[in-house]
Amino acid sequence: MVNGDDVGKFVYWSDRAVRAVAEENGVELHGQRRWTFGFSWTGFQAGFAGRERLTRNRLAEARRLEAELGKAVVDDFDTAPEAAFVRGVGTVSFARFREFRYGGNDAVVLHVQTRSVRGRRVDLCLFGSMDNVRGMGPYDAFEQGWTSSAAPAIGELLASRGQENTSQWDDEPSRAVEALNIALHQGSTGTDAEHAGRPETRGFTVGHTGDSRFFAEVYTDVVLDPQRWSLDGELAGAERIIVGRPLWVRSMSPAAVVRYAELRNGPGWARWWRLHRLRRRLRRRPRPVTPAPVPGLIDSDGDLEIS
C-alpha cells in the first residue's frame, strides 16, 4: 500500500543525469541482486536470482541516491559554498531556453527562490532538457521578448560542469548573476514592473509547480558581496545563487501544476497547438538533409549544442 506522503508526480525526471550521478558515485539504483544456490547431478551451482519488475520505482531510486550521497547533499542553504548537491521544497518555474539544446532537445531553465534556515535568499537556476518535463512542453510557450547575450557563457558553464570560463563574465559571481537574469527576465517586453509576479506574460515561460521537492547537481555556487552588487527589479535582494542541472522535481499535489498556456488561452490551447503543428508538418515540403551538429559547437540554426 502506498503511504500518503508518497503520493505525488514527477514533473521533471532526468534519467541521464540520475544514472550518471549514480555511476560516478558508486550507487546501485536498483539495490543488490540476490544469490541463489543449488545442487544438481553435475555439482554445485550458484547464480543471480531473477526478479520480475512490473513497474519502475523511480521514487525508490530517488531516495536511494539521496541516502547514498549523504553529507554531500545540502538542504539548509546556510552551509558555506560550494555545495555538490542540493535539495529542497518550493515553487519551481519552467521556461524554454531556445539558445541551448541537450541531445537535440529543447532546453529548459528551472528557477526556485527559497530561504535558508537563517533567512538568506537563495536562487537556484537549473538547466536541463525540455524532453524531461512532464505535463508541460514547448507548445505551452510563445517565442517573444528579450534574450540574453550571456547565453554562450552559460552554455560553457553547463558543458564544462562549471570547470571552464572563457567568457567576458570572467568570475563566478558575474556568470551566476547572468544566469539568474535569464531565469527571471527572459522573454520580457517593456519594463520589468509589467512582468513582476506575472511570469505567464513573458515569452518562453511554460508553467510552474508549487509544493514540489527538487534535487539538483551544483555547477557553481556563490554568495554575492553586497559591497559589489547593487541589483534592481526582481534581482534586488539576491544573496546566494546556485547554478546546476536538475535531476528531478516531484510535485506532491496535482493541483499545484500551473500551465501558462491555459492562463493565456484557456485549457483547449495545448490540444489546438498539437493539431496545428501536425497540420504544418504534413503540409511541409521535404528539406535538404544537413549534417548533424558536433556536440559543443554552434549548429546550423545558431544554437549551442550541448552533449
C-alpha atoms as a PDB file:
ATOM      1  CA  MET A   1       0.000   0.000   0.000  1.00  0.00           C
ATOM      2  CA  VAL A   2       1.256   3.491  -0.879  1.00  0.00           C
ATOM      3  CA  ASN A   3       1.920   5.803   2.056  1.00  0.00           C
ATOM      4  CA  GLY A   4       0.069   9.113   1.934  1.00  0.00           C
ATOM      5  CA  ASP A   5       3.376  11.003   1.980  1.00  0.00           C
ATOM      6  CA  ASP A   6       4.474   9.122  -1.147  1.00  0.00           C
ATOM      7  CA  VAL A   7       1.585  10.241  -3.354  1.00  0.00           C
ATOM      8  CA  GLY A   8       2.850  12.679  -5.955  1.00  0.00           C
ATOM      9  CA  LYS A   9       4.042  13.169  -9.513  1.00  0.00           C
ATOM     10  CA  PHE A  10       7.451  13.636 -11.072  1.00  0.00           C
ATOM     11  CA  VAL A  11       7.139  16.748 -13.214  1.00  0.00           C
ATOM     12  CA  TYR A  12      10.823  16.540 -14.115  1.00  0.00           C
ATOM     13  CA  TRP A  13      12.993  13.436 -14.228  1.00  0.00           C
ATOM     14  CA  SER A  14      16.361  13.207 -15.994  1.00  0.00           C
ATOM     15  CA  ASP A  15      17.254   9.568 -16.472  1.00  0.00           C
ATOM     16  CA  ARG A  16      20.602  10.536 -17.941  1.00  0.00           C
ATOM     17  CA  ALA A  17      21.572  12.755 -15.017  1.00  0.00           C
ATOM     18  CA  VAL A  18      20.336  10.309 -12.380  1.00  0.00           C
ATOM     19  CA  ARG A  19      22.268   7.413 -13.883  1.00  0.00           C
ATOM     20  CA  ALA A  20      25.417   9.498 -14.417  1.00  0.00           C
ATOM     21  CA  VAL A  21      25.499  10.696 -10.799  1.00  0.00           C
ATOM     22  CA  ALA A  22      24.814   7.173  -9.544  1.00  0.00           C
ATOM     23  CA  GLU A  23      27.608   5.662 -11.651  1.00  0.00           C
ATOM     24  CA  GLU A  24      30.100   8.387 -10.743  1.00  0.00           C
ATOM     25  CA  ASN A  25      29.460   7.841  -7.043  1.00  0.00           C
ATOM     26  CA  GLY A  26      29.159   4.060  -6.956  1.00  0.00           C
ATOM     27  CA  VAL A  27      25.446   3.963  -6.191  1.00  0.00           C
ATOM     28  CA  GLU A  28      23.370   0.923  -7.213  1.00  0.00           C
ATOM     29  CA  LEU A  29      19.963   2.364  -8.032  1.00  0.00           C
ATOM     30  CA  HIS A  30      18.097  -0.947  -8.027  1.00  0.00           C
ATOM     31  CA  GLY A  31      19.632  -2.436  -4.883  1.00  0.00           C
ATOM     32  CA  GLN A  32      21.725  -5.570  -4.611  1.00  0.00           C
ATOM     33  CA  ARG A  33      20.763  -8.663  -6.579  1.00  0.00           C
ATOM     34  CA  ARG A  34      20.383 -11.848  -4.566  1.00  0.00           C
ATOM     35  CA  TRP A  35      22.440 -15.002  -4.941  1.00  0.00           C
ATOM     36  CA  THR A  36      20.766 -18.363  -5.395  1.00  0.00           C
ATOM     37  CA  PHE A  37      22.397 -21.672  -4.589  1.00  0.00           C
ATOM     38  CA  GLY A  38      21.508 -25.163  -5.686  1.00  0.00           C
ATOM     39  CA  PHE A  39      22.773 -28.659  -6.372  1.00  0.00           C
ATOM     40  CA  SER A  40      22.471 -30.801  -9.460  1.00  0.00           C
ATOM     41  CA  TRP A  41      23.834 -34.112 -10.630  1.00  0.00           C
ATOM     42  CA  THR A  42      26.799 -32.250 -12.124  1.00  0.00           C
ATOM     43  CA  GLY A  43      27.676 -30.454  -8.891  1.00  0.00           C
ATOM     44  CA  PHE A  44      27.215 -27.210  -7.023  1.00  0.00           C
ATOM     45  CA  GLN A  45      25.618 -24.281  -8.886  1.00  0.00           C
ATOM     46  CA  ALA A  46      25.204 -20.637  -7.990  1.00  0.00           C
ATOM     47  CA  GLY A  47      23.708 -17.680  -9.790  1.00  0.00           C
ATOM     48  CA  PHE A  48      21.733 -14.477  -9.534  1.00  0.00           C
ATOM     49  CA  ALA A  49      18.070 -14.654  -8.696  1.00  0.00           C
ATOM     50  CA  GLY A  50      15.746 -13.335 -11.321  1.00  0.00           C
ATOM     51  CA  ARG A  51      13.372 -10.581 -10.260  1.00  0.00           C
ATOM     52  CA  GLU A  52      10.288  -9.677 -12.241  1.00  0.00           C
ATOM     53  CA  ARG A  53       9.699  -5.910 -12.355  1.00  0.00           C
ATOM     54  CA  LEU A  54       6.272  -4.759 -13.456  1.00  0.00           C
ATOM     55  CA  THR A  55       6.849  -1.026 -12.970  1.00  0.00           C
ATOM     56  CA  ARG A  56       9.899   1.123 -12.403  1.00  0.00           C
ATOM     57  CA  ASN A  57      10.125   2.549  -8.897  1.00  0.00           C
ATOM     58  CA  ARG A  58      11.599   5.991  -9.552  1.00  0.00           C
ATOM     59  CA  LEU A  59      10.685   7.149  -6.059  1.00  0.00           C
ATOM     60  CA  ALA A  60      12.803   4.374  -4.536  1.00  0.00           C
ATOM     61  CA  GLU A  61      15.677   5.238  -6.882  1.00  0.00           C
ATOM     62  CA  ALA A  62      15.497   8.902  -5.881  1.00  0.00           C
ATOM     63  CA  ARG A  63      15.521   8.074  -2.184  1.00  0.00           C
ATOM     64  CA  ARG A  64      18.387   5.602  -2.559  1.00  0.00           C
ATOM     65  CA  LEU A  65      20.530   8.119  -4.440  1.00  0.00           C
ATOM     66  CA  GLU A  66      19.888  10.858  -1.855  1.00  0.00           C
ATOM     67  CA  ALA A  67      20.686   8.499   1.017  1.00  0.00           C
ATOM     68  CA  GLU A  68      23.919   7.235  -0.567  1.00  0.00           C
ATOM     69  CA  LEU A  69      25.194  10.755  -1.318  1.00  0.00           C
ATOM     70  CA  GLY A  70      24.718  11.576   2.367  1.00  0.00           C
ATOM     71  CA  LYS A  71      26.564  14.671   3.586  1.00  0.00           C
ATOM     72  CA  ALA A  72      27.308  15.820   0.035  1.00  0.00           C
ATOM     73  CA  VAL A  73      23.661  16.956  -0.153  1.00  0.00           C
ATOM     74  CA  VAL A  74      22.819  20.417   1.233  1.00  0.00           C
ATOM     75  CA  ASP A  75      19.285  21.342   2.235  1.00  0.00           C
ATOM     76  CA  ASP A  76      19.620  24.186   4.762  1.00  0.00           C
ATOM     77  CA  PHE A  77      21.485  26.542   2.358  1.00  0.00           C
ATOM     78  CA  ASP A  78      23.450  28.055   5.243  1.00  0.00           C
ATOM     79  CA  THR A  79      26.348  25.703   4.570  1.00  0.00           C
ATOM     80  CA  ALA A  80      29.244  27.628   3.017  1.00  0.00           C
ATOM     81  CA  PRO A  81      29.633  27.274  -0.786  1.00  0.00           C
ATOM     82  CA  GLU A  82      30.289  25.228  -2.730  1.00  0.00           C
ATOM     83  CA  ALA A  83      27.618  22.576  -2.367  1.00  0.00           C
ATOM     84  CA  ALA A  84      27.859  19.454  -4.523  1.00  0.00           C
ATOM     85  CA  PHE A  85      24.150  18.584  -4.478  1.00  0.00           C
ATOM     86  CA  VAL A  86      21.109  20.446  -3.173  1.00  0.00           C
ATOM     87  CA  ARG A  87      17.534  19.533  -2.319  1.00  0.00           C
ATOM     88  CA  GLY A  88      14.568  21.420  -1.017  1.00  0.00           C
ATOM     89  CA  VAL A  89      10.856  22.171  -1.272  1.00  0.00           C
ATOM     90  CA  GLY A  90       9.280  25.121  -3.016  1.00  0.00           C
ATOM     91  CA  THR A  91       7.698  26.530  -6.163  1.00  0.00           C
ATOM     92  CA  VAL A  92       9.591  25.590  -9.324  1.00  0.00           C
ATOM     93  CA  SER A  93       9.123  27.601 -12.524  1.00  0.00           C
ATOM     94  CA  PHE A  94       9.809  26.215 -16.009  1.00  0.00           C
ATOM     95  CA  ALA A  95      10.738  28.108 -19.175  1.00  0.00           C
ATOM     96  CA  ARG A  96      12.139  27.212 -22.592  1.00  0.00           C
ATOM     97  CA  PHE A  97      15.721  28.182 -23.238  1.00  0.00           C
ATOM     98  CA  ARG A  98      15.958  28.040 -27.007  1.00  0.00           C
ATOM     99  CA  GLU A  99      19.652  29.008 -27.217  1.00  0.00           C
ATOM    100  CA  PHE A 100      20.598  25.564 -25.873  1.00  0.00           C
ATOM    101  CA  ARG A 101      19.921  22.006 -26.931  1.00  0.00           C
ATOM    102  CA  TYR A 102      20.525  18.858 -24.932  1.00  0.00           C
ATOM    103  CA  GLY A 103      20.998  15.876 -27.222  1.00  0.00           C
ATOM    104  CA  GLY A 104      18.900  17.561 -29.904  1.00  0.00           C
ATOM    105  CA  ASN A 105      16.099  18.506 -27.475  1.00  0.00           C
ATOM    106  CA  ASP A 106      14.950  21.960 -26.462  1.00  0.00           C
ATOM    107  CA  ALA A 107      16.481  23.141 -23.217  1.00  0.00           C
ATOM    108  CA  VAL A 108      14.579  24.285 -20.145  1.00  0.00           C
ATOM    109  CA  VAL A 109      15.567  26.547 -17.269  1.00  0.00           C
ATOM    110  CA  LEU A 110      14.068  25.850 -13.847  1.00  0.00           C
ATOM    111  CA  HIS A 111      14.057  28.574 -11.216  1.00  0.00           C
ATOM    112  CA  VAL A 112      13.481  28.192  -7.496  1.00  0.00           C
ATOM    113  CA  GLN A 113      13.604  31.004  -4.964  1.00  0.00           C
ATOM    114  CA  THR A 114      13.784  29.960  -1.340  1.00  0.00           C
ATOM    115  CA  ARG A 115      15.193  30.984   2.045  1.00  0.00           C
ATOM    116  CA  SER A 116      17.893  29.399   4.120  1.00  0.00           C
ATOM    117  CA  VAL A 117      17.244  28.456   7.738  1.00  0.00           C
ATOM    118  CA  ARG A 118      18.760  31.806   8.780  1.00  0.00           C
ATOM    119  CA  GLY A 119      16.694  33.785   6.280  1.00  0.00           C
ATOM    120  CA  ARG A 120      19.162  34.274   3.432  1.00  0.00           C
ATOM    121  CA  ARG A 121      17.565  34.484  -0.024  1.00  0.00           C
ATOM    122  CA  VAL A 122      18.692  31.650  -2.284  1.00  0.00           C
ATOM    123  CA  ASP A 123      18.025  31.478  -6.047  1.00  0.00           C
ATOM    124  CA  LEU A 124      18.545  28.216  -7.923  1.00  0.00           C
ATOM    125  CA  CYS A 125      18.895  28.307 -11.724  1.00  0.00           C
ATOM    126  CA  LEU A 126      18.814  24.763 -13.075  1.00  0.00           C
ATOM    127  CA  PHE A 127      19.263  23.978 -16.771  1.00  0.00           C
ATOM    128  CA  GLY A 128      18.086  20.714 -18.302  1.00  0.00           C
ATOM    129  CA  SER A 129      16.208  19.172 -21.216  1.00  0.00           C
ATOM    130  CA  MET A 130      12.603  20.052 -22.030  1.00  0.00           C
ATOM    131  CA  ASP A 131      12.162  16.414 -23.015  1.00  0.00           C
ATOM    132  CA  ASN A 132      12.379  15.531 -19.289  1.00  0.00           C
ATOM    133  CA  VAL A 133       9.438  17.788 -18.347  1.00  0.00           C
ATOM    134  CA  ARG A 134       6.106  16.029 -17.813  1.00  0.00           C
ATOM    135  CA  GLY A 135       2.735  17.667 -18.210  1.00  0.00           C
ATOM    136  CA  MET A 136       4.162  20.794 -19.866  1.00  0.00           C
ATOM    137  CA  GLY A 137       6.036  21.307 -23.096  1.00  0.00           C
ATOM    138  CA  PRO A 138       7.337  23.752 -25.719  1.00  0.00           C
ATOM    139  CA  TYR A 139       3.795  24.178 -27.043  1.00  0.00           C
ATOM    140  CA  ASP A 140       2.913  25.945 -23.769  1.00  0.00           C
ATOM    141  CA  ALA A 141       5.310  28.818 -24.511  1.00  0.00           C
ATOM    142  CA  PHE A 142       5.383  31.628 -27.039  1.00  0.00           C
ATOM    143  CA  GLU A 143       8.606  32.942 -28.576  1.00  0.00           C
ATOM    144  CA  GLN A 144       8.688  36.648 -27.983  1.00  0.00           C
ATOM    145  CA  GLY A 145      10.746  39.019 -25.887  1.00  0.00           C
ATOM    146  CA  TRP A 146      14.250  39.627 -24.579  1.00  0.00           C
ATOM    147  CA  THR A 147      17.004  37.028 -24.824  1.00  0.00           C
ATOM    148  CA  SER A 148      20.383  37.274 -23.145  1.00  0.00           C
ATOM    149  CA  SER A 149      23.734  37.825 -24.853  1.00  0.00           C
ATOM    150  CA  ALA A 150      25.254  35.811 -21.983  1.00  0.00           C
ATOM    151  CA  ALA A 151      23.736  32.574 -23.323  1.00  0.00           C
ATOM    152  CA  PRO A 152      27.083  31.245 -24.683  1.00  0.00           C
ATOM    153  CA  ALA A 153      28.722  31.906 -21.302  1.00  0.00           C
ATOM    154  CA  ILE A 154      26.013  29.894 -19.546  1.00  0.00           C
ATOM    155  CA  GLY A 155      26.366  27.207 -22.197  1.00  0.00           C
ATOM    156  CA  GLU A 156      30.076  26.900 -21.437  1.00  0.00           C
ATOM    157  CA  LEU A 157      29.286  26.635 -17.737  1.00  0.00           C
ATOM    158  CA  LEU A 158      26.870  23.781 -18.393  1.00  0.00           C
ATOM    159  CA  ALA A 159      29.003  21.958 -20.940  1.00  0.00           C
ATOM    160  CA  SER A 160      32.070  22.025 -18.689  1.00  0.00           C
ATOM    161  CA  ARG A 161      30.047  21.430 -15.498  1.00  0.00           C
ATOM    162  CA  GLY A 162      31.443  24.648 -14.074  1.00  0.00           C
ATOM    163  CA  GLN A 163      35.088  23.870 -14.848  1.00  0.00           C
ATOM    164  CA  GLU A 164      35.715  26.399 -17.639  1.00  0.00           C
ATOM    165  CA  ASN A 165      35.058  30.092 -18.151  1.00  0.00           C
ATOM    166  CA  THR A 166      36.462  31.929 -21.157  1.00  0.00           C
ATOM    167  CA  SER A 167      33.665  34.499 -21.372  1.00  0.00           C
ATOM    168  CA  GLN A 168      33.639  38.217 -20.626  1.00  0.00           C
ATOM    169  CA  TRP A 169      31.817  37.341 -17.401  1.00  0.00           C
ATOM    170  CA  ASP A 170      35.119  36.088 -16.119  1.00  0.00           C
ATOM    171  CA  ASP A 171      34.312  35.324 -12.496  1.00  0.00           C
ATOM    172  CA  GLU A 172      31.679  33.047 -10.991  1.00  0.00           C
ATOM    173  CA  PRO A 173      29.512  35.743  -9.329  1.00  0.00           C
ATOM    174  CA  SER A 174      29.185  37.615 -12.645  1.00  0.00           C
ATOM    175  CA  ARG A 175      28.213  34.499 -14.529  1.00  0.00           C
ATOM    176  CA  ALA A 176      25.783  33.417 -11.803  1.00  0.00           C
ATOM    177  CA  VAL A 177      24.042  36.821 -11.895  1.00  0.00           C
ATOM    178  CA  GLU A 178      23.613  36.447 -15.666  1.00  0.00           C
ATOM    179  CA  ALA A 179      22.052  33.007 -15.169  1.00  0.00           C
ATOM    180  CA  LEU A 180      19.594  34.471 -12.662  1.00  0.00           C
ATOM    181  CA  ASN A 181      18.843  37.364 -15.011  1.00  0.00           C
ATOM    182  CA  ILE A 182      17.905  34.820 -17.679  1.00  0.00           C
ATOM    183  CA  ALA A 183      15.689  32.851 -15.286  1.00  0.00           C
ATOM    184  CA  LEU A 184      13.822  35.957 -14.130  1.00  0.00           C
ATOM    185  CA  HIS A 185      13.714  38.171 -17.224  1.00  0.00           C
ATOM    186  CA  GLN A 186      13.980  36.046 -20.388  1.00  0.00           C
ATOM    187  CA  GLY A 187      11.061  36.854 -22.674  1.00  0.00           C
ATOM    188  CA  SER A 188      10.363  40.264 -21.138  1.00  0.00           C
ATOM    189  CA  THR A 189       8.938  43.104 -23.195  1.00  0.00           C
ATOM    190  CA  GLY A 190       8.629  46.640 -21.887  1.00  0.00           C
ATOM    191  CA  THR A 191       9.551  47.228 -18.254  1.00  0.00           C
ATOM    192  CA  ASP A 192      10.314  44.639 -15.588  1.00  0.00           C
ATOM    193  CA  ALA A 193       7.476  46.046 -13.469  1.00  0.00           C
ATOM    194  CA  GLU A 194       4.968  44.939 -16.112  1.00  0.00           C
ATOM    195  CA  HIS A 195       6.002  41.303 -15.624  1.00  0.00           C
ATOM    196  CA  ALA A 196       6.772  41.256 -11.902  1.00  0.00           C
ATOM    197  CA  GLY A 197       4.765  38.470 -10.275  1.00  0.00           C
ATOM    198  CA  ARG A 198       3.255  37.537 -13.660  1.00  0.00           C
ATOM    199  CA  PRO A 199       5.707  35.150 -15.375  1.00  0.00           C
ATOM    200  CA  GLU A 200       2.997  33.942 -17.761  1.00  0.00           C
ATOM    201  CA  THR A 201       3.224  37.325 -19.525  1.00  0.00           C
ATOM    202  CA  ARG A 202       6.849  36.689 -20.549  1.00  0.00           C
ATOM    203  CA  GLY A 203       7.850  34.815 -23.652  1.00  0.00           C
ATOM    204  CA  PHE A 204       9.282  31.281 -23.343  1.00  0.00           C
ATOM    205  CA  THR A 205       7.708  30.639 -19.918  1.00  0.00           C
ATOM    206  CA  VAL A 206       5.874  27.316 -19.671  1.00  0.00           C
ATOM    207  CA  GLY A 207       4.456  26.979 -16.155  1.00  0.00           C
ATOM    208  CA  HIS A 208       5.227  26.334 -12.518  1.00  0.00           C
ATOM    209  CA  THR A 209       4.536  23.781  -9.853  1.00  0.00           C
ATOM    210  CA  GLY A 210       4.169  24.551  -6.172  1.00  0.00           C
ATOM    211  CA  ASP A 211       4.750  22.339  -3.140  1.00  0.00           C
ATOM    212  CA  SER A 212       7.472  20.463  -5.008  1.00  0.00           C
ATOM    213  CA  ARG A 213      10.577  18.613  -3.904  1.00  0.00           C
ATOM    214  CA  PHE A 214      13.637  19.161  -6.044  1.00  0.00           C
ATOM    215  CA  PHE A 215      17.084  17.606  -6.243  1.00  0.00           C
ATOM    216  CA  ALA A 216      19.962  19.012  -8.309  1.00  0.00           C
ATOM    217  CA  GLU A 217      23.659  18.763  -9.022  1.00  0.00           C
ATOM    218  CA  VAL A 218      25.569  22.030  -8.484  1.00  0.00           C
ATOM    219  CA  TYR A 219      27.966  23.510 -11.058  1.00  0.00           C
ATOM    220  CA  THR A 220      28.586  26.872  -9.417  1.00  0.00           C
ATOM    221  CA  ASP A 221      27.529  28.238  -6.021  1.00  0.00           C
ATOM    222  CA  VAL A 222      28.235  31.840  -4.990  1.00  0.00           C
ATOM    223  CA  VAL A 223      27.328  34.298  -2.247  1.00  0.00           C
ATOM    224  CA  LEU A 224      27.174  37.846  -3.615  1.00  0.00           C
ATOM    225  CA  ASP A 225      29.225  40.601  -1.962  1.00  0.00           C
ATOM    226  CA  PRO A 226      26.737  43.387  -1.122  1.00  0.00           C
ATOM    227  CA  GLN A 227      29.525  45.952  -1.465  1.00  0.00           C
ATOM    228  CA  ARG A 228      29.997  44.961  -5.105  1.00  0.00           C
ATOM    229  CA  TRP A 229      26.472  44.242  -6.287  1.00  0.00           C
ATOM    230  CA  SER A 230      23.603  46.727  -6.453  1.00  0.00           C
ATOM    231  CA  LEU A 231      20.831  44.878  -8.267  1.00  0.00           C
ATOM    232  CA  ASP A 232      17.344  46.134  -9.067  1.00  0.00           C
ATOM    233  CA  GLY A 233      13.961  44.762 -10.051  1.00  0.00           C
ATOM    234  CA  GLU A 234      13.409  41.095  -9.274  1.00  0.00           C
ATOM    235  CA  LEU A 235      17.176  40.657  -8.971  1.00  0.00           C
ATOM    236  CA  ALA A 236      17.258  43.015  -5.991  1.00  0.00           C
ATOM    237  CA  GLY A 237      17.892  41.175  -2.753  1.00  0.00           C
ATOM    238  CA  ALA A 238      19.607  38.176  -4.358  1.00  0.00           C
ATOM    239  CA  GLU A 239      22.218  36.805  -1.941  1.00  0.00           C
ATOM    240  CA  ARG A 240      23.188  33.255  -2.877  1.00  0.00           C
ATOM    241  CA  ILE A 241      22.915  31.930  -6.438  1.00  0.00           C
ATOM    242  CA  ILE A 242      23.274  28.255  -7.318  1.00  0.00           C
ATOM    243  CA  VAL A 243      23.544  27.130 -10.948  1.00  0.00           C
ATOM    244  CA  GLY A 244      23.421  23.491 -11.992  1.00  0.00           C
ATOM    245  CA  ARG A 245      21.301  20.755 -13.511  1.00  0.00           C
ATOM    246  CA  PRO A 246      18.094  19.261 -12.101  1.00  0.00           C
ATOM    247  CA  LEU A 247      17.859  15.525 -11.516  1.00  0.00           C
ATOM    248  CA  TRP A 248      14.204  15.520 -10.561  1.00  0.00           C
ATOM    249  CA  VAL A 249      11.279  17.648  -9.397  1.00  0.00           C
ATOM    250  CA  ARG A 250       8.345  15.928  -7.704  1.00  0.00           C
ATOM    251  CA  SER A 251       5.056  17.681  -7.063  1.00  0.00           C
ATOM    252  CA  MET A 252       3.112  16.480  -4.038  1.00  0.00           C
ATOM    253  CA  SER A 253      -0.219  17.714  -5.397  1.00  0.00           C
ATOM    254  CA  PRO A 254      -1.615  17.515  -8.962  1.00  0.00           C
ATOM    255  CA  ALA A 255      -3.401  20.814  -8.358  1.00  0.00           C
ATOM    256  CA  ALA A 256      -0.022  22.521  -7.830  1.00  0.00           C
ATOM    257  CA  VAL A 257       0.883  22.268 -11.538  1.00  0.00           C
ATOM    258  CA  VAL A 258       0.004  25.505 -13.367  1.00  0.00           C
ATOM    259  CA  ARG A 259       0.324  25.636 -17.157  1.00  0.00           C
ATOM    260  CA  TYR A 260       0.685  29.153 -18.512  1.00  0.00           C
ATOM    261  CA  ALA A 261      -0.873  28.217 -21.864  1.00  0.00           C
ATOM    262  CA  GLU A 262      -4.160  27.703 -20.023  1.00  0.00           C
ATOM    263  CA  LEU A 263      -3.814  31.046 -18.224  1.00  0.00           C
ATOM    264  CA  ARG A 264      -3.194  32.789 -21.543  1.00  0.00           C
ATOM    265  CA  ASN A 265      -5.581  30.943 -23.819  1.00  0.00           C
ATOM    266  CA  GLY A 266      -7.771  28.508 -21.901  1.00  0.00           C
ATOM    267  CA  PRO A 267      -7.480  24.712 -21.455  1.00  0.00           C
ATOM    268  CA  GLY A 268      -8.050  23.919 -25.151  1.00  0.00           C
ATOM    269  CA  TRP A 269      -4.837  25.650 -26.200  1.00  0.00           C
ATOM    270  CA  ALA A 270      -2.470  22.681 -25.939  1.00  0.00           C
ATOM    271  CA  ARG A 271      -4.762  20.409 -27.961  1.00  0.00           C
ATOM    272  CA  TRP A 272      -5.180  23.062 -30.665  1.00  0.00           C
ATOM    273  CA  TRP A 273      -1.443  23.685 -30.804  1.00  0.00           C
ATOM    274  CA  ARG A 274      -0.614  19.989 -31.208  1.00  0.00           C
ATOM    275  CA  LEU A 275      -3.082  19.700 -34.097  1.00  0.00           C
ATOM    276  CA  HIS A 276      -1.779  22.918 -35.612  1.00  0.00           C
ATOM    277  CA  ARG A 277       1.808  21.640 -35.559  1.00  0.00           C
ATOM    278  CA  LEU A 278       0.698  18.297 -37.018  1.00  0.00           C
ATOM    279  CA  ARG A 279      -1.058  20.026 -39.942  1.00  0.00           C
ATOM    280  CA  ARG A 280       2.002  22.186 -40.565  1.00  0.00           C
ATOM    281  CA  ARG A 281       4.227  19.118 -40.558  1.00  0.00           C
ATOM    282  CA  LEU A 282       2.002  17.308 -43.059  1.00  0.00           C
ATOM    283  CA  ARG A 283       2.000  20.313 -45.407  1.00  0.00           C
ATOM    284  CA  ARG A 284       5.719  20.931 -45.114  1.00  0.00           C
ATOM    285  CA  ARG A 285       7.803  20.071 -48.149  1.00  0.00           C
ATOM    286  CA  PRO A 286      10.910  17.863 -47.736  1.00  0.00           C
ATOM    287  CA  ARG A 287      14.037  19.825 -46.919  1.00  0.00           C
ATOM    288  CA  PRO A 288      17.660  19.051 -47.781  1.00  0.00           C
ATOM    289  CA  VAL A 289      19.385  16.954 -45.134  1.00  0.00           C
ATOM    290  CA  THR A 290      22.065  18.888 -43.234  1.00  0.00           C
ATOM    291  CA  PRO A 291      24.980  17.294 -41.348  1.00  0.00           C
ATOM    292  CA  ALA A 292      24.403  16.610 -37.655  1.00  0.00           C
ATOM    293  CA  PRO A 293      25.950  19.287 -35.377  1.00  0.00           C
ATOM    294  CA  VAL A 294      29.113  18.458 -33.497  1.00  0.00           C
ATOM    295  CA  PRO A 295      28.466  18.415 -29.691  1.00  0.00           C
ATOM    296  CA  GLY A 296      29.724  21.567 -28.030  1.00  0.00           C
ATOM    297  CA  LEU A 297      29.686  23.632 -31.261  1.00  0.00           C
ATOM    298  CA  ILE A 298      27.217  26.013 -32.886  1.00  0.00           C
ATOM    299  CA  ASP A 299      24.748  24.203 -35.138  1.00  0.00           C
ATOM    300  CA  SER A 300      23.212  25.385 -38.409  1.00  0.00           C
ATOM    301  CA  ASP A 301      20.410  27.201 -36.581  1.00  0.00           C
ATOM    302  CA  GLY A 302      22.831  29.166 -34.425  1.00  0.00           C
ATOM    303  CA  ASP A 303      22.006  27.160 -31.298  1.00  0.00           C
ATOM    304  CA  LEU A 304      24.605  25.899 -28.868  1.00  0.00           C
ATOM    305  CA  GLU A 305      24.540  22.112 -28.901  1.00  0.00           C
ATOM    306  CA  ILE A 306      25.430  20.561 -25.548  1.00  0.00           C
ATOM    307  CA  SER A 307      26.061  16.851 -25.331  1.00  0.00           C
END
